[in-house]
Amino acid sequence: QVQLQESGPGLVKPSQTLSLTCTVSGRHYITYGVGWFRQATGKEREFVAAITWNGETIHYANSVKGRFTISRDNPKITAYLQMNSLKPEDTAVYYCAAGTRYMHEIEDYRNEDNYGYWGQGTQVTVSG
């Protein structure tokens, strides 16, 4: 099995920066990489960003492109999501997930069915 744990501070003001960490443990070698998703209250969960463990493929949702940066540290088996210029509409529970199916097109990375393991989520609130 694979376990994922998100961490990061929860409350920031608009235009501020916040970083999330996703620590992966267990049989991480069976996974292709990490994706970040988010779910705002009353809305469906949506794709935010994804990165393969070799770092060759990175995708972002249009809503965060240019503001968010995804990265990974293979020795630490950890992925990061740096979020700059935060907006109130970025408020959501953020989840990291491990990809367990080969993904080719960006639509593959957006598909939750391609991620077999999920963290429990961490709340990010942009207000003030």
N, C-alpha and C. Protein backbone atom coordinates (compact mmCIF):
# COMPACT_ATOMS: atom_id res chain seq x y z
N GLN A 1 0.82 -1.20 0.00
CA GLN A 1 0.00 0.00 0.00
C GLN A 1 0.86 1.26 0.00
N VAL A 2 0.21 2.36 -0.32
CA VAL A 2 0.88 3.65 -0.36
C VAL A 2 0.10 4.62 0.54
N GLN A 3 0.80 5.36 1.34
CA GLN A 3 0.18 6.33 2.20
C GLN A 3 0.66 7.75 1.83
N LEU A 4 -0.25 8.69 1.89
CA LEU A 4 0.09 10.09 1.60
C LEU A 4 -0.42 10.97 2.73
N GLN A 5 0.36 11.97 3.07
CA GLN A 5 -0.02 12.88 4.13
C GLN A 5 0.28 14.31 3.70
N GLU A 6 -0.76 15.15 3.67
CA GLU A 6 -0.58 16.56 3.33
C GLU A 6 -0.28 17.35 4.60
N SER A 7 0.46 18.42 4.44
CA SER A 7 0.71 19.33 5.55
C SER A 7 0.97 20.72 5.02
N GLY A 8 0.67 21.72 5.87
CA GLY A 8 0.89 23.11 5.50
C GLY A 8 -0.03 24.01 6.29
N PRO A 9 0.34 25.26 6.49
CA PRO A 9 -0.53 26.18 7.24
C PRO A 9 -1.86 26.38 6.55
N GLY A 10 -2.90 26.77 7.28
CA GLY A 10 -4.23 26.75 6.75
C GLY A 10 -4.84 28.07 6.37
N LEU A 11 -4.43 29.19 7.00
CA LEU A 11 -5.12 30.46 6.79
C LEU A 11 -4.13 31.52 6.33
N VAL A 12 -4.44 32.15 5.20
CA VAL A 12 -3.60 33.23 4.69
C VAL A 12 -4.51 34.33 4.13
N LYS A 13 -3.93 35.50 3.89
CA LYS A 13 -4.66 36.61 3.30
C LYS A 13 -4.47 36.63 1.80
N PRO A 14 -5.37 37.24 1.08
CA PRO A 14 -5.21 37.34 -0.38
C PRO A 14 -3.86 37.95 -0.76
N SER A 15 -3.31 37.45 -1.84
CA SER A 15 -2.02 37.82 -2.41
C SER A 15 -0.83 37.19 -1.69
N GLN A 16 -1.07 36.53 -0.56
CA GLN A 16 0.03 35.89 0.15
C GLN A 16 0.40 34.54 -0.46
N THR A 17 1.49 33.97 0.10
CA THR A 17 2.02 32.71 -0.40
C THR A 17 1.86 31.61 0.63
N LEU A 18 1.63 30.40 0.15
CA LEU A 18 1.46 29.25 1.02
C LEU A 18 2.06 28.03 0.34
N SER A 19 2.72 27.17 1.11
CA SER A 19 3.29 25.95 0.55
C SER A 19 2.69 24.73 1.22
N LEU A 20 2.32 23.76 0.42
CA LEU A 20 1.81 22.48 0.92
C LEU A 20 2.84 21.40 0.64
N THR A 21 2.88 20.42 1.53
CA THR A 21 3.80 19.29 1.40
C THR A 21 3.00 18.01 1.38
N CYS A 22 3.39 17.09 0.51
CA CYS A 22 2.76 15.77 0.43
C CYS A 22 3.86 14.74 0.64
N THR A 23 3.80 14.06 1.77
CA THR A 23 4.79 13.04 2.09
C THR A 23 4.23 11.68 1.74
N VAL A 24 4.99 10.92 0.96
CA VAL A 24 4.55 9.61 0.49
C VAL A 24 5.35 8.52 1.18
N SER A 25 4.67 7.48 1.59
CA SER A 25 5.36 6.35 2.23
C SER A 25 4.76 5.05 1.73
N GLY A 26 5.39 3.96 2.10
CA GLY A 26 4.92 2.65 1.64
C GLY A 26 5.52 2.31 0.28
N ARG A 27 4.76 1.64 -0.53
CA ARG A 27 5.24 1.16 -1.82
C ARG A 27 5.16 2.26 -2.88
N HIS A 28 5.82 3.34 -2.64
CA HIS A 28 5.74 4.51 -3.53
C HIS A 28 6.26 4.17 -4.92
N TYR A 29 7.10 3.16 -5.02
CA TYR A 29 7.73 2.83 -6.31
C TYR A 29 6.73 2.27 -7.31
N ILE A 30 5.51 1.95 -6.84
CA ILE A 30 4.50 1.47 -7.78
C ILE A 30 3.72 2.63 -8.38
N THR A 31 4.05 3.85 -7.97
CA THR A 31 3.30 5.02 -8.44
C THR A 31 4.09 5.79 -9.49
N TYR A 32 3.36 6.56 -10.30
CA TYR A 32 3.99 7.30 -11.39
C TYR A 32 4.35 8.73 -10.99
N GLY A 33 3.67 9.25 -10.00
CA GLY A 33 3.90 10.62 -9.59
C GLY A 33 2.79 11.07 -8.66
N VAL A 34 2.70 12.37 -8.48
CA VAL A 34 1.75 12.93 -7.52
C VAL A 34 0.90 14.00 -8.19
N GLY A 35 -0.37 13.99 -7.84
CA GLY A 35 -1.26 15.04 -8.28
C GLY A 35 -1.85 15.77 -7.09
N TRP A 36 -2.15 17.04 -7.29
CA TRP A 36 -2.85 17.84 -6.29
C TRP A 36 -4.24 18.14 -6.81
N PHE A 37 -5.23 17.96 -5.97
CA PHE A 37 -6.61 18.28 -6.27
C PHE A 37 -7.15 19.16 -5.14
N ARG A 38 -8.27 19.80 -5.39
CA ARG A 38 -8.90 20.60 -4.34
C ARG A 38 -10.41 20.54 -4.47
N GLN A 39 -11.07 20.73 -3.34
CA GLN A 39 -12.53 20.72 -3.33
C GLN A 39 -13.02 21.84 -2.43
N ALA A 40 -13.69 22.78 -3.04
CA ALA A 40 -14.31 23.88 -2.30
C ALA A 40 -15.68 23.44 -1.81
N THR A 41 -16.15 24.09 -0.79
CA THR A 41 -17.45 23.75 -0.21
C THR A 41 -18.54 23.87 -1.26
N GLY A 42 -19.30 22.81 -1.40
CA GLY A 42 -20.41 22.81 -2.34
C GLY A 42 -20.04 22.58 -3.79
N LYS A 43 -18.76 22.30 -4.04
CA LYS A 43 -18.30 22.09 -5.42
C LYS A 43 -17.65 20.72 -5.55
N GLU A 44 -17.49 20.28 -6.79
CA GLU A 44 -16.82 19.02 -7.04
C GLU A 44 -15.31 19.18 -6.90
N ARG A 45 -14.66 18.08 -6.61
CA ARG A 45 -13.20 18.12 -6.52
C ARG A 45 -12.62 18.37 -7.92
N GLU A 46 -11.58 19.20 -7.97
CA GLU A 46 -11.00 19.55 -9.26
C GLU A 46 -9.49 19.38 -9.24
N PHE A 47 -8.95 19.15 -10.41
CA PHE A 47 -7.51 18.99 -10.60
C PHE A 47 -6.82 20.33 -10.42
N VAL A 48 -5.64 20.30 -9.78
CA VAL A 48 -4.84 21.51 -9.60
C VAL A 48 -3.52 21.41 -10.35
N ALA A 49 -2.76 20.34 -10.07
CA ALA A 49 -1.45 20.18 -10.70
C ALA A 49 -0.99 18.75 -10.55
N ALA A 50 -0.03 18.34 -11.38
CA ALA A 50 0.51 16.99 -11.29
C ALA A 50 1.95 16.99 -11.76
N ILE A 51 2.72 16.05 -11.22
CA ILE A 51 4.12 15.90 -11.62
C ILE A 51 4.48 14.43 -11.54
N THR A 52 5.26 13.96 -12.53
CA THR A 52 5.76 12.60 -12.48
C THR A 52 7.02 12.56 -11.62
N TRP A 53 7.35 11.39 -11.10
CA TRP A 53 8.52 11.28 -10.22
C TRP A 53 9.82 11.63 -10.95
N ASN A 54 9.86 11.40 -12.26
CA ASN A 54 11.08 11.76 -12.98
C ASN A 54 11.12 13.24 -13.33
N GLY A 55 10.04 13.96 -13.02
CA GLY A 55 10.01 15.40 -13.24
C GLY A 55 9.84 15.82 -14.69
N GLU A 56 9.67 14.86 -15.58
CA GLU A 56 9.61 15.21 -17.01
C GLU A 56 8.25 15.75 -17.42
N THR A 57 7.23 15.43 -16.65
CA THR A 57 5.88 15.88 -17.01
C THR A 57 5.28 16.66 -15.86
N ILE A 58 4.80 17.85 -16.16
CA ILE A 58 4.13 18.71 -15.19
C ILE A 58 2.92 19.32 -15.88
N HIS A 59 1.81 19.32 -15.19
CA HIS A 59 0.59 19.92 -15.71
C HIS A 59 -0.06 20.78 -14.64
N TYR A 60 -0.72 21.84 -15.07
CA TYR A 60 -1.45 22.73 -14.17
C TYR A 60 -2.85 22.98 -14.71
N ALA A 61 -3.77 23.20 -13.80
CA ALA A 61 -5.07 23.69 -14.20
C ALA A 61 -4.91 25.14 -14.65
N ASN A 62 -5.73 25.56 -15.59
CA ASN A 62 -5.63 26.94 -16.10
C ASN A 62 -5.82 27.97 -14.99
N SER A 63 -6.63 27.63 -14.02
CA SER A 63 -6.95 28.58 -12.95
C SER A 63 -5.76 28.88 -12.04
N VAL A 64 -4.74 28.02 -12.05
CA VAL A 64 -3.59 28.23 -11.16
C VAL A 64 -2.29 28.44 -11.94
N LYS A 65 -2.32 28.26 -13.24
CA LYS A 65 -1.12 28.38 -14.05
C LYS A 65 -0.51 29.77 -13.89
N GLY A 66 0.79 29.80 -13.62
CA GLY A 66 1.48 31.07 -13.41
C GLY A 66 1.51 31.51 -11.96
N ARG A 67 0.69 30.90 -11.12
CA ARG A 67 0.66 31.25 -9.69
C ARG A 67 1.14 30.10 -8.80
N PHE A 68 0.84 28.87 -9.21
CA PHE A 68 1.21 27.70 -8.42
C PHE A 68 2.40 26.99 -9.09
N THR A 69 3.22 26.36 -8.26
CA THR A 69 4.34 25.57 -8.76
C THR A 69 4.39 24.23 -8.03
N ILE A 70 4.39 23.16 -8.80
CA ILE A 70 4.50 21.83 -8.23
C ILE A 70 5.93 21.34 -8.40
N SER A 71 6.43 20.63 -7.41
CA SER A 71 7.78 20.09 -7.49
C SER A 71 7.84 18.81 -6.66
N ARG A 72 8.98 18.10 -6.78
CA ARG A 72 9.12 16.89 -6.00
C ARG A 72 10.56 16.73 -5.57
N ASP A 73 10.75 15.98 -4.48
CA ASP A 73 12.06 15.64 -3.96
C ASP A 73 12.10 14.12 -3.84
N ASN A 74 12.72 13.48 -4.82
CA ASN A 74 12.68 12.02 -4.86
C ASN A 74 13.32 11.35 -3.64
N PRO A 75 14.50 11.78 -3.19
CA PRO A 75 15.07 11.12 -2.00
C PRO A 75 14.15 11.17 -0.79
N LYS A 76 13.40 12.26 -0.68
CA LYS A 76 12.47 12.40 0.45
C LYS A 76 11.10 11.83 0.15
N ILE A 77 10.89 11.42 -1.10
CA ILE A 77 9.59 10.90 -1.56
C ILE A 77 8.49 11.89 -1.17
N THR A 78 8.71 13.11 -1.56
CA THR A 78 7.82 14.20 -1.15
C THR A 78 7.51 15.09 -2.34
N ALA A 79 6.29 15.56 -2.41
CA ALA A 79 5.89 16.52 -3.43
C ALA A 79 5.44 17.80 -2.74
N TYR A 80 5.58 18.91 -3.46
CA TYR A 80 5.26 20.21 -2.90
C TYR A 80 4.33 20.98 -3.83
N LEU A 81 3.56 21.87 -3.24
CA LEU A 81 2.74 22.77 -4.04
C LEU A 81 2.95 24.17 -3.47
N GLN A 82 3.69 24.98 -4.20
CA GLN A 82 3.92 26.37 -3.83
C GLN A 82 2.82 27.20 -4.45
N MET A 83 2.09 27.92 -3.63
CA MET A 83 0.94 28.71 -4.11
C MET A 83 1.20 30.19 -3.85
N ASN A 84 1.35 30.94 -4.91
CA ASN A 84 1.59 32.38 -4.83
C ASN A 84 0.34 33.15 -5.24
N SER A 85 0.32 34.40 -4.87
CA SER A 85 -0.79 35.29 -5.26
C SER A 85 -2.14 34.64 -5.00
N LEU A 86 -2.31 34.15 -3.82
CA LEU A 86 -3.54 33.42 -3.50
C LEU A 86 -4.76 34.33 -3.55
N LYS A 87 -5.86 33.74 -3.95
CA LYS A 87 -7.14 34.44 -4.07
C LYS A 87 -8.17 33.76 -3.19
N PRO A 88 -9.21 34.46 -2.80
CA PRO A 88 -10.26 33.83 -2.01
C PRO A 88 -10.84 32.59 -2.68
N GLU A 89 -10.89 32.58 -4.00
CA GLU A 89 -11.45 31.42 -4.71
C GLU A 89 -10.52 30.21 -4.67
N ASP A 90 -9.31 30.36 -4.14
CA ASP A 90 -8.44 29.21 -3.93
C ASP A 90 -8.76 28.47 -2.65
N THR A 91 -9.68 29.02 -1.86
CA THR A 91 -10.08 28.37 -0.61
C THR A 91 -10.71 27.02 -0.90
N ALA A 92 -10.18 25.97 -0.28
CA ALA A 92 -10.65 24.61 -0.52
C ALA A 92 -9.89 23.65 0.37
N VAL A 93 -10.34 22.42 0.39
CA VAL A 93 -9.55 21.33 0.96
C VAL A 93 -8.66 20.81 -0.16
N TYR A 94 -7.37 20.76 0.11
CA TYR A 94 -6.40 20.32 -0.88
C TYR A 94 -5.98 18.88 -0.58
N TYR A 95 -6.00 18.06 -1.63
CA TYR A 95 -5.64 16.66 -1.51
C TYR A 95 -4.45 16.36 -2.41
N CYS A 96 -3.54 15.53 -1.93
CA CYS A 96 -2.54 14.98 -2.84
C CYS A 96 -2.89 13.52 -3.09
N ALA A 97 -2.53 13.04 -4.27
CA ALA A 97 -2.87 11.70 -4.68
C ALA A 97 -1.72 11.10 -5.47
N ALA A 98 -1.57 9.79 -5.36
CA ALA A 98 -0.50 9.09 -6.08
C ALA A 98 -1.07 8.44 -7.33
N GLY A 99 -0.45 8.74 -8.46
CA GLY A 99 -0.89 8.18 -9.71
C GLY A 99 -0.51 6.71 -9.83
N THR A 100 -1.47 5.85 -10.14
CA THR A 100 -1.21 4.42 -10.23
C THR A 100 -1.48 3.87 -11.62
N ARG A 101 -1.80 4.73 -12.56
CA ARG A 101 -1.96 4.33 -13.95
C ARG A 101 -1.09 5.24 -14.81
N TYR A 102 -0.60 4.66 -15.91
CA TYR A 102 0.20 5.48 -16.81
C TYR A 102 -0.69 6.58 -17.40
N MET A 103 -0.18 7.79 -17.39
CA MET A 103 -0.94 8.93 -17.91
C MET A 103 -0.15 9.58 -19.03
N HIS A 104 -0.83 9.92 -20.11
CA HIS A 104 -0.16 10.48 -21.27
C HIS A 104 -0.62 11.90 -21.55
N GLU A 105 -1.91 12.04 -21.80
CA GLU A 105 -2.46 13.36 -22.10
C GLU A 105 -2.83 14.08 -20.81
N ILE A 106 -2.98 15.39 -20.89
CA ILE A 106 -3.33 16.16 -19.70
C ILE A 106 -4.67 15.71 -19.13
N GLU A 107 -5.58 15.27 -20.00
CA GLU A 107 -6.87 14.79 -19.51
C GLU A 107 -6.70 13.57 -18.62
N ASP A 108 -5.66 12.79 -18.87
CA ASP A 108 -5.38 11.64 -18.01
C ASP A 108 -5.01 12.10 -16.61
N TYR A 109 -4.22 13.18 -16.53
CA TYR A 109 -3.79 13.67 -15.22
C TYR A 109 -4.94 14.31 -14.47
N ARG A 110 -5.93 14.80 -15.15
CA ARG A 110 -7.10 15.41 -14.51
C ARG A 110 -8.08 14.37 -14.01
N ASN A 111 -7.96 13.14 -14.47
CA ASN A 111 -8.92 12.08 -14.15
C ASN A 111 -8.58 11.45 -12.81
N GLU A 112 -9.47 11.60 -11.85
CA GLU A 112 -9.22 11.06 -10.50
C GLU A 112 -9.09 9.53 -10.51
N ASP A 113 -9.68 8.89 -11.49
CA ASP A 113 -9.62 7.42 -11.54
C ASP A 113 -8.20 6.91 -11.75
N ASN A 114 -7.29 7.78 -12.19
CA ASN A 114 -5.91 7.37 -12.43
C ASN A 114 -5.03 7.50 -11.19
N TYR A 115 -5.66 7.89 -10.09
CA TYR A 115 -4.93 8.04 -8.83
C TYR A 115 -5.50 7.03 -7.82
N GLY A 116 -4.66 6.10 -7.40
CA GLY A 116 -5.16 5.02 -6.57
C GLY A 116 -5.06 5.25 -5.08
N TYR A 117 -4.28 6.24 -4.67
CA TYR A 117 -4.09 6.50 -3.25
C TYR A 117 -4.20 8.00 -3.01
N TRP A 118 -4.88 8.33 -1.91
CA TRP A 118 -5.17 9.72 -1.59
C TRP A 118 -4.82 10.04 -0.15
N GLY A 119 -4.41 11.29 0.06
CA GLY A 119 -4.24 11.78 1.41
C GLY A 119 -5.60 12.18 1.98
N GLN A 120 -5.63 12.57 3.24
CA GLN A 120 -6.88 12.91 3.88
C GLN A 120 -7.30 14.35 3.62
N GLY A 121 -6.40 15.15 3.08
CA GLY A 121 -6.73 16.52 2.74
C GLY A 121 -6.34 17.52 3.81
N THR A 122 -6.08 18.75 3.39
CA THR A 122 -5.74 19.82 4.32
C THR A 122 -6.47 21.09 3.88
N GLN A 123 -7.04 21.79 4.82
CA GLN A 123 -7.83 22.97 4.52
C GLN A 123 -6.92 24.16 4.25
N VAL A 124 -7.21 24.86 3.17
CA VAL A 124 -6.55 26.12 2.86
C VAL A 124 -7.64 27.19 2.77
N THR A 125 -7.49 28.23 3.56
CA THR A 125 -8.47 29.32 3.56
C THR A 125 -7.76 30.62 3.24
N VAL A 126 -8.26 31.31 2.22
CA VAL A 126 -7.71 32.60 1.81
C VAL A 126 -8.76 33.65 2.13
N SER A 127 -8.49 34.44 3.13
CA SER A 127 -9.48 35.41 3.58
C SER A 127 -8.80 36.56 4.29
N GLY A 128 -9.49 37.67 4.29
CA GLY A 128 -8.95 38.77 5.07
C GLY A 128 -8.79 40.05 4.29
